[in-house]
Amino acid sequence: MDSQQPNVFPLRAPVEEALTLLREIVPVNIEIVFTAPPEALLVRGDASLVHQVVINLCTNAYKAIGRNGGKLGVKLAAVDDPSDGQLAPGCYHLLEVSDTGHGMDQSVLAHIFEPFFTTREVGEGTGLGLAVVHGIVSSMRGAITVRSRPGHGTTFSVYLPATSAQPQAAAAAAGIGA
């Protein structure tokens, strides 16, 4: 199958696969809490790119939490007509990543999706992770928002258009590598 052709897939599959990998590298004093509805949340796109979004957002989250530990939350949900003004009316699936880390002030929030912008020390990151995430979400005709306050953690909300189309049999059987 052409890797450029968007597939229909359940959002949960690449999220769970990414969380399995993350549990191996996230410090044990950071609790990962995953919540999702029992029904399949179907989206159209490239599951491996959603996997990359989860890895990037969760990596930033656990690094923001730091050595003292805390909670990294990942939530999936169906939402109707998000009222953020970035999206056309319709049904969307939400991928939310939240942390109990140090949070960000408005001056940082104004630049977080810009390529090469980083608050990390030299050698600790390229500043491309959130720019890549933003590009992936936009390519899937979705939107990403962020809420954060210093000392109160951060929440990234990714909205991807829902689809009622059924997953391709080969893609569903092969998981995210399809």
N, C-alpha and C. Protein backbone atom coordinates (compact mmCIF):
# COMPACT_ATOMS: atom_id res chain seq x y z
N MET A 1 0.85 -1.19 0.00
CA MET A 1 0.00 0.00 0.00
C MET A 1 0.88 1.24 0.00
N ASP A 2 0.48 2.25 -0.72
CA ASP A 2 1.22 3.50 -0.81
C ASP A 2 1.27 4.17 0.56
N SER A 3 2.48 4.46 1.05
CA SER A 3 2.62 5.05 2.38
C SER A 3 2.10 6.48 2.42
N GLN A 4 1.89 7.11 1.25
CA GLN A 4 1.36 8.46 1.21
C GLN A 4 -0.16 8.47 1.26
N GLN A 5 -0.79 7.33 1.00
CA GLN A 5 -2.25 7.24 1.00
C GLN A 5 -2.76 7.18 2.44
N PRO A 6 -3.63 8.11 2.83
CA PRO A 6 -4.13 8.07 4.20
C PRO A 6 -5.03 6.87 4.44
N ASN A 7 -4.86 6.26 5.57
CA ASN A 7 -5.65 5.11 5.98
C ASN A 7 -6.63 5.52 7.06
N VAL A 8 -7.66 4.72 7.23
CA VAL A 8 -8.56 4.87 8.36
C VAL A 8 -8.06 3.89 9.42
N PHE A 9 -7.92 4.37 10.65
CA PHE A 9 -7.42 3.52 11.72
C PHE A 9 -8.00 3.99 13.05
N PRO A 10 -8.07 3.07 14.03
CA PRO A 10 -8.51 3.46 15.36
C PRO A 10 -7.40 4.23 16.06
N LEU A 11 -7.72 5.41 16.56
CA LEU A 11 -6.74 6.29 17.19
C LEU A 11 -6.03 5.61 18.36
N ARG A 12 -6.71 4.74 19.04
CA ARG A 12 -6.16 4.08 20.23
C ARG A 12 -4.91 3.25 19.92
N ALA A 13 -4.85 2.62 18.76
CA ALA A 13 -3.74 1.70 18.45
C ALA A 13 -2.38 2.38 18.49
N PRO A 14 -2.13 3.45 17.75
CA PRO A 14 -0.80 4.06 17.82
C PRO A 14 -0.53 4.73 19.17
N VAL A 15 -1.58 5.18 19.85
CA VAL A 15 -1.40 5.79 21.17
C VAL A 15 -0.93 4.73 22.16
N GLU A 16 -1.59 3.59 22.18
CA GLU A 16 -1.18 2.53 23.11
C GLU A 16 0.22 2.01 22.80
N GLU A 17 0.56 1.90 21.51
CA GLU A 17 1.90 1.43 21.16
C GLU A 17 2.96 2.43 21.64
N ALA A 18 2.70 3.71 21.45
CA ALA A 18 3.64 4.74 21.92
C ALA A 18 3.77 4.70 23.44
N LEU A 19 2.66 4.53 24.14
CA LEU A 19 2.72 4.48 25.61
C LEU A 19 3.49 3.26 26.10
N THR A 20 3.38 2.15 25.39
CA THR A 20 4.16 0.96 25.76
C THR A 20 5.65 1.27 25.70
N LEU A 21 6.08 1.95 24.64
CA LEU A 21 7.49 2.33 24.52
C LEU A 21 7.89 3.35 25.59
N LEU A 22 7.02 4.31 25.82
CA LEU A 22 7.33 5.37 26.79
C LEU A 22 7.46 4.82 28.21
N ARG A 23 6.68 3.82 28.55
CA ARG A 23 6.76 3.25 29.91
C ARG A 23 8.14 2.68 30.21
N GLU A 24 8.88 2.35 29.16
CA GLU A 24 10.24 1.84 29.34
C GLU A 24 11.26 2.94 29.62
N ILE A 25 10.97 4.19 29.23
CA ILE A 25 11.95 5.26 29.40
C ILE A 25 11.53 6.34 30.40
N VAL A 26 10.24 6.42 30.71
CA VAL A 26 9.76 7.42 31.67
C VAL A 26 10.18 6.97 33.06
N PRO A 27 10.75 7.88 33.85
CA PRO A 27 11.15 7.51 35.22
C PRO A 27 9.98 6.93 36.02
N VAL A 28 10.27 6.00 36.91
CA VAL A 28 9.23 5.31 37.66
C VAL A 28 8.45 6.23 38.61
N ASN A 29 9.00 7.38 38.94
CA ASN A 29 8.27 8.29 39.82
C ASN A 29 7.29 9.18 39.05
N ILE A 30 7.13 8.93 37.76
CA ILE A 30 6.12 9.61 36.95
C ILE A 30 5.05 8.58 36.58
N GLU A 31 3.84 8.83 37.06
CA GLU A 31 2.72 7.94 36.79
C GLU A 31 2.11 8.31 35.43
N ILE A 32 1.98 7.30 34.57
CA ILE A 32 1.30 7.50 33.29
C ILE A 32 -0.13 6.99 33.44
N VAL A 33 -1.09 7.87 33.20
CA VAL A 33 -2.50 7.52 33.31
C VAL A 33 -3.14 7.66 31.93
N PHE A 34 -3.67 6.56 31.40
CA PHE A 34 -4.29 6.54 30.08
C PHE A 34 -5.78 6.27 30.23
N THR A 35 -6.59 7.12 29.61
CA THR A 35 -8.04 6.91 29.61
C THR A 35 -8.56 7.02 28.18
N ALA A 36 -9.49 6.13 27.86
CA ALA A 36 -10.08 6.12 26.51
C ALA A 36 -11.45 5.46 26.60
N PRO A 37 -12.36 5.87 25.74
CA PRO A 37 -13.67 5.23 25.72
C PRO A 37 -13.57 3.83 25.10
N PRO A 38 -14.53 2.98 25.36
CA PRO A 38 -14.45 1.62 24.80
C PRO A 38 -14.64 1.58 23.29
N GLU A 39 -15.37 2.53 22.72
CA GLU A 39 -15.62 2.49 21.28
C GLU A 39 -14.38 2.94 20.51
N ALA A 40 -14.30 2.45 19.27
CA ALA A 40 -13.18 2.82 18.40
C ALA A 40 -13.36 4.26 17.95
N LEU A 41 -12.32 5.05 18.05
CA LEU A 41 -12.31 6.42 17.57
C LEU A 41 -11.53 6.42 16.26
N LEU A 42 -12.23 6.42 15.15
CA LEU A 42 -11.60 6.26 13.85
C LEU A 42 -11.20 7.61 13.26
N VAL A 43 -9.97 7.67 12.74
CA VAL A 43 -9.46 8.86 12.06
C VAL A 43 -8.81 8.42 10.75
N ARG A 44 -8.58 9.39 9.88
CA ARG A 44 -7.93 9.12 8.59
C ARG A 44 -6.56 9.79 8.60
N GLY A 45 -5.55 9.04 8.22
CA GLY A 45 -4.21 9.59 8.16
C GLY A 45 -3.17 8.49 8.22
N ASP A 46 -2.04 8.82 8.79
CA ASP A 46 -0.93 7.89 8.92
C ASP A 46 -0.74 7.60 10.41
N ALA A 47 -1.02 6.37 10.81
CA ALA A 47 -0.94 6.00 12.22
C ALA A 47 0.47 6.20 12.78
N SER A 48 1.49 6.00 11.95
CA SER A 48 2.86 6.17 12.45
C SER A 48 3.13 7.64 12.80
N LEU A 49 2.45 8.56 12.12
CA LEU A 49 2.61 9.97 12.45
C LEU A 49 1.92 10.31 13.77
N VAL A 50 0.77 9.69 14.03
CA VAL A 50 0.11 9.88 15.33
C VAL A 50 1.00 9.32 16.43
N HIS A 51 1.62 8.19 16.17
CA HIS A 51 2.58 7.62 17.11
C HIS A 51 3.68 8.64 17.44
N GLN A 52 4.20 9.30 16.41
CA GLN A 52 5.24 10.32 16.60
C GLN A 52 4.72 11.50 17.42
N VAL A 53 3.48 11.91 17.18
CA VAL A 53 2.88 13.00 17.97
C VAL A 53 2.85 12.62 19.45
N VAL A 54 2.41 11.42 19.75
CA VAL A 54 2.32 10.96 21.15
C VAL A 54 3.71 10.91 21.78
N ILE A 55 4.68 10.36 21.07
CA ILE A 55 6.04 10.29 21.60
C ILE A 55 6.57 11.69 21.89
N ASN A 56 6.42 12.62 20.95
CA ASN A 56 6.94 13.98 21.15
C ASN A 56 6.24 14.68 22.31
N LEU A 57 4.92 14.64 22.36
CA LEU A 57 4.20 15.33 23.43
C LEU A 57 4.50 14.72 24.80
N CYS A 58 4.54 13.39 24.86
CA CYS A 58 4.80 12.74 26.15
C CYS A 58 6.24 12.92 26.61
N THR A 59 7.17 12.94 25.68
CA THR A 59 8.57 13.18 26.04
C THR A 59 8.73 14.57 26.63
N ASN A 60 8.12 15.57 25.99
CA ASN A 60 8.16 16.92 26.55
C ASN A 60 7.50 16.95 27.93
N ALA A 61 6.40 16.23 28.08
CA ALA A 61 5.68 16.23 29.35
C ALA A 61 6.52 15.64 30.47
N TYR A 62 7.12 14.48 30.23
CA TYR A 62 7.87 13.88 31.34
C TYR A 62 9.13 14.67 31.66
N LYS A 63 9.71 15.33 30.66
CA LYS A 63 10.87 16.18 30.94
C LYS A 63 10.45 17.42 31.72
N ALA A 64 9.25 17.93 31.47
CA ALA A 64 8.74 19.09 32.22
C ALA A 64 8.44 18.71 33.67
N ILE A 65 8.04 17.48 33.89
CA ILE A 65 7.75 17.02 35.25
C ILE A 65 9.04 16.96 36.06
N GLY A 66 10.08 16.44 35.44
CA GLY A 66 11.38 16.43 36.10
C GLY A 66 11.58 15.35 37.13
N ARG A 67 12.60 15.54 37.93
CA ARG A 67 13.05 14.52 38.89
C ARG A 67 12.11 14.30 40.07
N ASN A 68 11.29 15.28 40.39
CA ASN A 68 10.43 15.15 41.56
C ASN A 68 9.24 14.23 41.34
N GLY A 69 8.97 13.89 40.09
CA GLY A 69 7.86 12.99 39.79
C GLY A 69 6.55 13.74 39.67
N GLY A 70 5.57 13.01 39.21
CA GLY A 70 4.25 13.59 39.02
C GLY A 70 3.41 12.70 38.13
N LYS A 71 2.47 13.32 37.43
CA LYS A 71 1.54 12.56 36.61
C LYS A 71 1.57 13.05 35.17
N LEU A 72 1.58 12.08 34.25
CA LEU A 72 1.49 12.33 32.82
C LEU A 72 0.19 11.67 32.38
N GLY A 73 -0.75 12.46 31.93
CA GLY A 73 -2.05 11.94 31.51
C GLY A 73 -2.19 11.92 30.01
N VAL A 74 -2.77 10.85 29.49
CA VAL A 74 -3.10 10.74 28.07
C VAL A 74 -4.55 10.31 28.00
N LYS A 75 -5.33 11.09 27.26
CA LYS A 75 -6.77 10.84 27.19
C LYS A 75 -7.23 10.88 25.74
N LEU A 76 -8.13 9.96 25.41
CA LEU A 76 -8.80 9.96 24.11
C LEU A 76 -10.28 10.16 24.37
N ALA A 77 -10.93 10.93 23.49
CA ALA A 77 -12.37 11.16 23.63
C ALA A 77 -12.94 11.62 22.30
N ALA A 78 -14.23 11.42 22.13
CA ALA A 78 -14.96 11.97 21.00
C ALA A 78 -15.54 13.31 21.43
N VAL A 79 -15.42 14.31 20.59
CA VAL A 79 -15.96 15.64 20.90
C VAL A 79 -16.70 16.18 19.68
N ASP A 80 -17.76 16.90 19.94
CA ASP A 80 -18.52 17.54 18.86
C ASP A 80 -18.21 19.02 18.86
N ASP A 81 -17.90 19.53 17.69
CA ASP A 81 -17.72 20.96 17.48
C ASP A 81 -16.87 21.65 18.54
N PRO A 82 -15.58 21.36 18.60
CA PRO A 82 -14.73 22.09 19.54
C PRO A 82 -14.86 23.59 19.28
N SER A 83 -15.01 24.36 20.31
CA SER A 83 -15.30 25.79 20.13
C SER A 83 -14.04 26.65 20.20
N ASP A 84 -12.95 26.13 19.64
CA ASP A 84 -11.70 26.89 19.70
C ASP A 84 -11.53 27.83 18.50
N GLY A 85 -12.43 27.78 17.53
CA GLY A 85 -12.37 28.68 16.39
C GLY A 85 -11.39 28.26 15.32
N GLN A 86 -10.57 27.23 15.56
CA GLN A 86 -9.59 26.78 14.57
C GLN A 86 -10.16 25.73 13.63
N LEU A 87 -11.30 25.15 14.00
CA LEU A 87 -11.81 24.01 13.25
C LEU A 87 -13.20 24.27 12.70
N ALA A 88 -13.49 23.62 11.57
CA ALA A 88 -14.84 23.66 11.02
C ALA A 88 -15.76 22.85 11.93
N PRO A 89 -17.04 23.19 11.96
CA PRO A 89 -17.97 22.40 12.77
C PRO A 89 -17.94 20.94 12.33
N GLY A 90 -18.11 20.06 13.27
CA GLY A 90 -18.11 18.63 12.97
C GLY A 90 -17.70 17.82 14.16
N CYS A 91 -17.53 16.53 13.92
CA CYS A 91 -17.13 15.60 14.97
C CYS A 91 -15.61 15.41 14.91
N TYR A 92 -14.99 15.41 16.06
CA TYR A 92 -13.55 15.27 16.17
C TYR A 92 -13.21 14.27 17.27
N HIS A 93 -12.01 13.75 17.17
CA HIS A 93 -11.49 12.91 18.24
C HIS A 93 -10.35 13.68 18.90
N LEU A 94 -10.38 13.66 20.21
CA LEU A 94 -9.42 14.39 21.02
C LEU A 94 -8.33 13.45 21.51
N LEU A 95 -7.10 13.88 21.35
CA LEU A 95 -5.94 13.26 21.98
C LEU A 95 -5.38 14.33 22.90
N GLU A 96 -5.45 14.09 24.19
CA GLU A 96 -5.01 15.09 25.15
C GLU A 96 -3.83 14.54 25.95
N VAL A 97 -2.77 15.34 26.04
CA VAL A 97 -1.60 14.98 26.84
C VAL A 97 -1.41 16.08 27.87
N SER A 98 -1.43 15.69 29.14
CA SER A 98 -1.29 16.66 30.22
C SER A 98 -0.18 16.23 31.17
N ASP A 99 0.38 17.21 31.87
CA ASP A 99 1.42 16.89 32.83
C ASP A 99 1.29 17.80 34.05
N THR A 100 1.92 17.37 35.12
CA THR A 100 1.96 18.15 36.36
C THR A 100 3.31 18.85 36.50
N GLY A 101 3.91 19.17 35.38
CA GLY A 101 5.23 19.80 35.36
C GLY A 101 5.20 21.27 35.71
N HIS A 102 6.28 21.94 35.37
CA HIS A 102 6.50 23.33 35.78
C HIS A 102 5.63 24.34 35.03
N GLY A 103 5.03 23.95 33.92
CA GLY A 103 4.18 24.87 33.16
C GLY A 103 4.98 25.89 32.39
N MET A 104 4.27 26.71 31.61
CA MET A 104 4.91 27.71 30.76
C MET A 104 4.17 29.04 30.90
N ASP A 105 4.92 30.12 30.78
CA ASP A 105 4.29 31.44 30.81
C ASP A 105 3.90 31.86 29.39
N GLN A 106 3.21 32.99 29.28
CA GLN A 106 2.70 33.45 27.98
C GLN A 106 3.81 33.74 26.98
N SER A 107 4.96 34.19 27.43
CA SER A 107 6.05 34.49 26.49
C SER A 107 6.57 33.22 25.83
N VAL A 108 6.58 32.12 26.55
CA VAL A 108 6.99 30.84 25.98
C VAL A 108 5.87 30.28 25.10
N LEU A 109 4.64 30.33 25.59
CA LEU A 109 3.51 29.80 24.82
C LEU A 109 3.37 30.45 23.45
N ALA A 110 3.75 31.70 23.35
CA ALA A 110 3.65 32.43 22.08
C ALA A 110 4.56 31.86 21.00
N HIS A 111 5.56 31.08 21.38
CA HIS A 111 6.57 30.60 20.42
C HIS A 111 6.71 29.09 20.34
N ILE A 112 5.96 28.32 21.11
CA ILE A 112 6.26 26.89 21.24
C ILE A 112 6.17 26.08 19.96
N PHE A 113 5.38 26.52 18.98
CA PHE A 113 5.26 25.75 17.74
C PHE A 113 6.23 26.23 16.66
N GLU A 114 7.07 27.18 16.98
CA GLU A 114 8.06 27.69 16.01
C GLU A 114 9.24 26.72 15.92
N PRO A 115 9.69 26.44 14.69
CA PRO A 115 10.87 25.57 14.55
C PRO A 115 12.08 26.16 15.26
N PHE A 116 12.81 25.31 15.93
CA PHE A 116 14.06 25.61 16.63
C PHE A 116 13.87 26.41 17.92
N PHE A 117 12.62 26.67 18.32
CA PHE A 117 12.41 27.34 19.60
C PHE A 117 12.49 26.27 20.69
N THR A 118 13.30 26.53 21.70
CA THR A 118 13.42 25.60 22.82
C THR A 118 13.73 26.36 24.10
N THR A 119 13.30 25.79 25.20
CA THR A 119 13.63 26.35 26.51
C THR A 119 14.69 25.47 27.19
N ARG A 120 15.13 24.44 26.51
CA ARG A 120 16.10 23.52 27.10
C ARG A 120 17.52 24.03 26.90
N GLU A 121 18.41 23.47 27.70
CA GLU A 121 19.83 23.79 27.59
C GLU A 121 20.38 23.30 26.25
N VAL A 122 21.47 23.90 25.81
CA VAL A 122 22.13 23.49 24.57
C VAL A 122 22.47 22.01 24.67
N GLY A 123 22.16 21.28 23.61
CA GLY A 123 22.45 19.85 23.58
C GLY A 123 21.34 18.98 24.14
N GLU A 124 20.29 19.58 24.69
CA GLU A 124 19.19 18.79 25.27
C GLU A 124 17.97 18.70 24.37
N GLY A 125 18.02 19.31 23.22
CA GLY A 125 16.89 19.26 22.30
C GLY A 125 17.11 20.20 21.14
N THR A 126 16.38 19.95 20.05
CA THR A 126 16.56 20.76 18.85
C THR A 126 15.53 21.87 18.73
N GLY A 127 14.44 21.77 19.46
CA GLY A 127 13.37 22.73 19.30
C GLY A 127 12.49 22.42 18.10
N LEU A 128 12.56 21.19 17.61
CA LEU A 128 11.75 20.81 16.46
C LEU A 128 10.53 19.97 16.83
N GLY A 129 10.50 19.38 18.01
CA GLY A 129 9.43 18.45 18.38
C GLY A 129 8.03 19.01 18.24
N LEU A 130 7.77 20.17 18.81
CA LEU A 130 6.42 20.74 18.75
C LEU A 130 6.11 21.30 17.37
N ALA A 131 7.11 21.77 16.64
CA ALA A 131 6.88 22.21 15.27
C ALA A 131 6.47 21.02 14.40
N VAL A 132 7.12 19.89 14.60
CA VAL A 132 6.77 18.67 13.87
C VAL A 132 5.36 18.23 14.25
N VAL A 133 5.05 18.22 15.53
CA VAL A 133 3.71 17.85 15.98
C VAL A 133 2.66 18.74 15.31
N HIS A 134 2.89 20.04 15.32
CA HIS A 134 1.95 20.97 14.71
C HIS A 134 1.77 20.67 13.22
N GLY A 135 2.86 20.38 12.52
CA GLY A 135 2.79 20.05 11.11
C GLY A 135 2.00 18.78 10.85
N ILE A 136 2.23 17.76 11.66
CA ILE A 136 1.51 16.49 11.50
C ILE A 136 0.01 16.70 11.72
N VAL A 137 -0.33 17.38 12.79
CA VAL A 137 -1.75 17.61 13.11
C VAL A 137 -2.41 18.42 11.99
N SER A 138 -1.74 19.44 11.50
CA SER A 138 -2.28 20.25 10.41
C SER A 138 -2.46 19.42 9.14
N SER A 139 -1.50 18.53 8.85
CA SER A 139 -1.59 17.69 7.66
C SER A 139 -2.77 16.72 7.72
N MET A 140 -3.23 16.42 8.94
CA MET A 140 -4.39 15.55 9.13
C MET A 140 -5.68 16.35 9.25
N ARG A 141 -5.60 17.64 8.92
CA ARG A 141 -6.75 18.57 8.97
C ARG A 141 -7.29 18.73 10.38
N GLY A 142 -6.38 18.66 11.34
CA GLY A 142 -6.76 18.84 12.73
C GLY A 142 -6.21 20.14 13.28
N ALA A 143 -6.28 20.26 14.58
CA ALA A 143 -5.77 21.46 15.26
C ALA A 143 -5.19 21.03 16.60
N ILE A 144 -4.29 21.86 17.11
CA ILE A 144 -3.69 21.61 18.42
C ILE A 144 -3.76 22.89 19.23
N THR A 145 -4.14 22.75 20.48
CA THR A 145 -4.18 23.88 21.40
C THR A 145 -3.37 23.52 22.63
N VAL A 146 -2.98 24.53 23.39
CA VAL A 146 -2.22 24.30 24.61
C VAL A 146 -2.72 25.23 25.70
N ARG A 147 -2.81 24.69 26.91
CA ARG A 147 -3.13 25.46 28.10
C ARG A 147 -2.02 25.22 29.11
N SER A 148 -1.51 26.28 29.68
CA SER A 148 -0.43 26.12 30.64
C SER A 148 -0.32 27.36 31.50
N ARG A 149 0.13 27.13 32.74
CA ARG A 149 0.46 28.23 33.66
C ARG A 149 1.67 27.79 34.47
N PRO A 150 2.56 28.72 34.72
CA PRO A 150 3.71 28.35 35.55
C PRO A 150 3.26 27.75 36.89
N GLY A 151 3.86 26.63 37.22
CA GLY A 151 3.54 25.95 38.47
C GLY A 151 2.29 25.09 38.44
N HIS A 152 1.61 25.04 37.27
CA HIS A 152 0.34 24.29 37.20
C HIS A 152 0.29 23.30 36.05
N GLY A 153 1.41 22.99 35.44
CA GLY A 153 1.43 22.00 34.38
C GLY A 153 0.94 22.51 33.05
N THR A 154 0.83 21.57 32.11
CA THR A 154 0.50 21.89 30.73
C THR A 154 -0.44 20.83 30.17
N THR A 155 -1.35 21.25 29.31
CA THR A 155 -2.23 20.32 28.60
C THR A 155 -2.24 20.67 27.12
N PHE A 156 -1.86 19.70 26.28
CA PHE A 156 -1.97 19.82 24.84
C PHE A 156 -3.21 19.06 24.40
N SER A 157 -4.04 19.70 23.59
CA SER A 157 -5.25 19.07 23.06
C SER A 157 -5.14 19.01 21.55
N VAL A 158 -5.13 17.79 21.02
CA VAL A 158 -5.05 17.56 19.58
C VAL A 158 -6.44 17.10 19.12
N TYR A 159 -7.00 17.83 18.16
CA TYR A 159 -8.30 17.50 17.60
C TYR A 159 -8.10 16.99 16.18
N LEU A 160 -8.54 15.75 15.92
CA LEU A 160 -8.45 15.15 14.60
C LEU A 160 -9.85 14.84 14.10
N PRO A 161 -10.13 15.12 12.82
CA PRO A 161 -11.48 14.86 12.31
C PRO A 161 -11.85 13.39 12.44
N ALA A 162 -13.05 13.16 12.95
CA ALA A 162 -13.57 11.79 13.06
C ALA A 162 -14.02 11.34 11.68
N THR A 163 -13.99 10.04 11.46
CA THR A 163 -14.52 9.48 10.22
C THR A 163 -15.39 8.28 10.58
N SER A 164 -16.39 8.04 9.74
CA SER A 164 -17.23 6.86 9.93
C SER A 164 -16.82 5.75 8.99
N ALA A 165 -15.84 6.03 8.11
CA ALA A 165 -15.33 4.99 7.21
C ALA A 165 -14.70 3.88 8.03
N GLN A 166 -14.70 2.70 7.49
CA GLN A 166 -14.12 1.57 8.19
C GLN A 166 -12.64 1.42 7.84
N PRO A 167 -11.84 0.94 8.81
CA PRO A 167 -10.41 0.74 8.52
C PRO A 167 -10.22 -0.28 7.40
N GLN A 168 -9.18 -0.06 6.61
CA GLN A 168 -8.82 -1.04 5.59
C GLN A 168 -8.39 -2.31 6.30
N ALA A 169 -8.82 -3.45 5.81
CA ALA A 169 -8.55 -4.73 6.48
C ALA A 169 -7.06 -4.96 6.69
N ALA A 170 -6.26 -4.71 5.68
CA ALA A 170 -4.82 -4.95 5.81
C ALA A 170 -4.21 -4.00 6.83
N ALA A 171 -4.63 -2.75 6.82
CA ALA A 171 -4.09 -1.78 7.76
C ALA A 171 -4.48 -2.13 9.19
N ALA A 172 -5.71 -2.53 9.37
CA ALA A 172 -6.18 -2.88 10.72
C ALA A 172 -5.44 -4.11 11.24
N ALA A 173 -5.17 -5.08 10.38
CA ALA A 173 -4.49 -6.29 10.80
C ALA A 173 -3.02 -6.03 11.10
N ALA A 174 -2.41 -5.09 10.38
CA ALA A 174 -0.98 -4.85 10.53
C ALA A 174 -0.64 -3.85 11.61
N GLY A 175 -1.62 -3.19 12.19
CA GLY A 175 -1.34 -2.19 13.23
C GLY A 175 -0.83 -0.90 12.61
N ILE A 176 0.04 -0.18 13.32
CA ILE A 176 0.43 1.14 12.84
C ILE A 176 1.42 1.06 11.68
N GLY A 177 2.03 -0.05 11.44
CA GLY A 177 3.00 -0.13 10.36
C GLY A 177 2.36 -0.21 8.98
N ALA A 178 1.03 -0.25 8.93
CA ALA A 178 0.33 -0.38 7.64
C ALA A 178 0.33 0.92 6.88
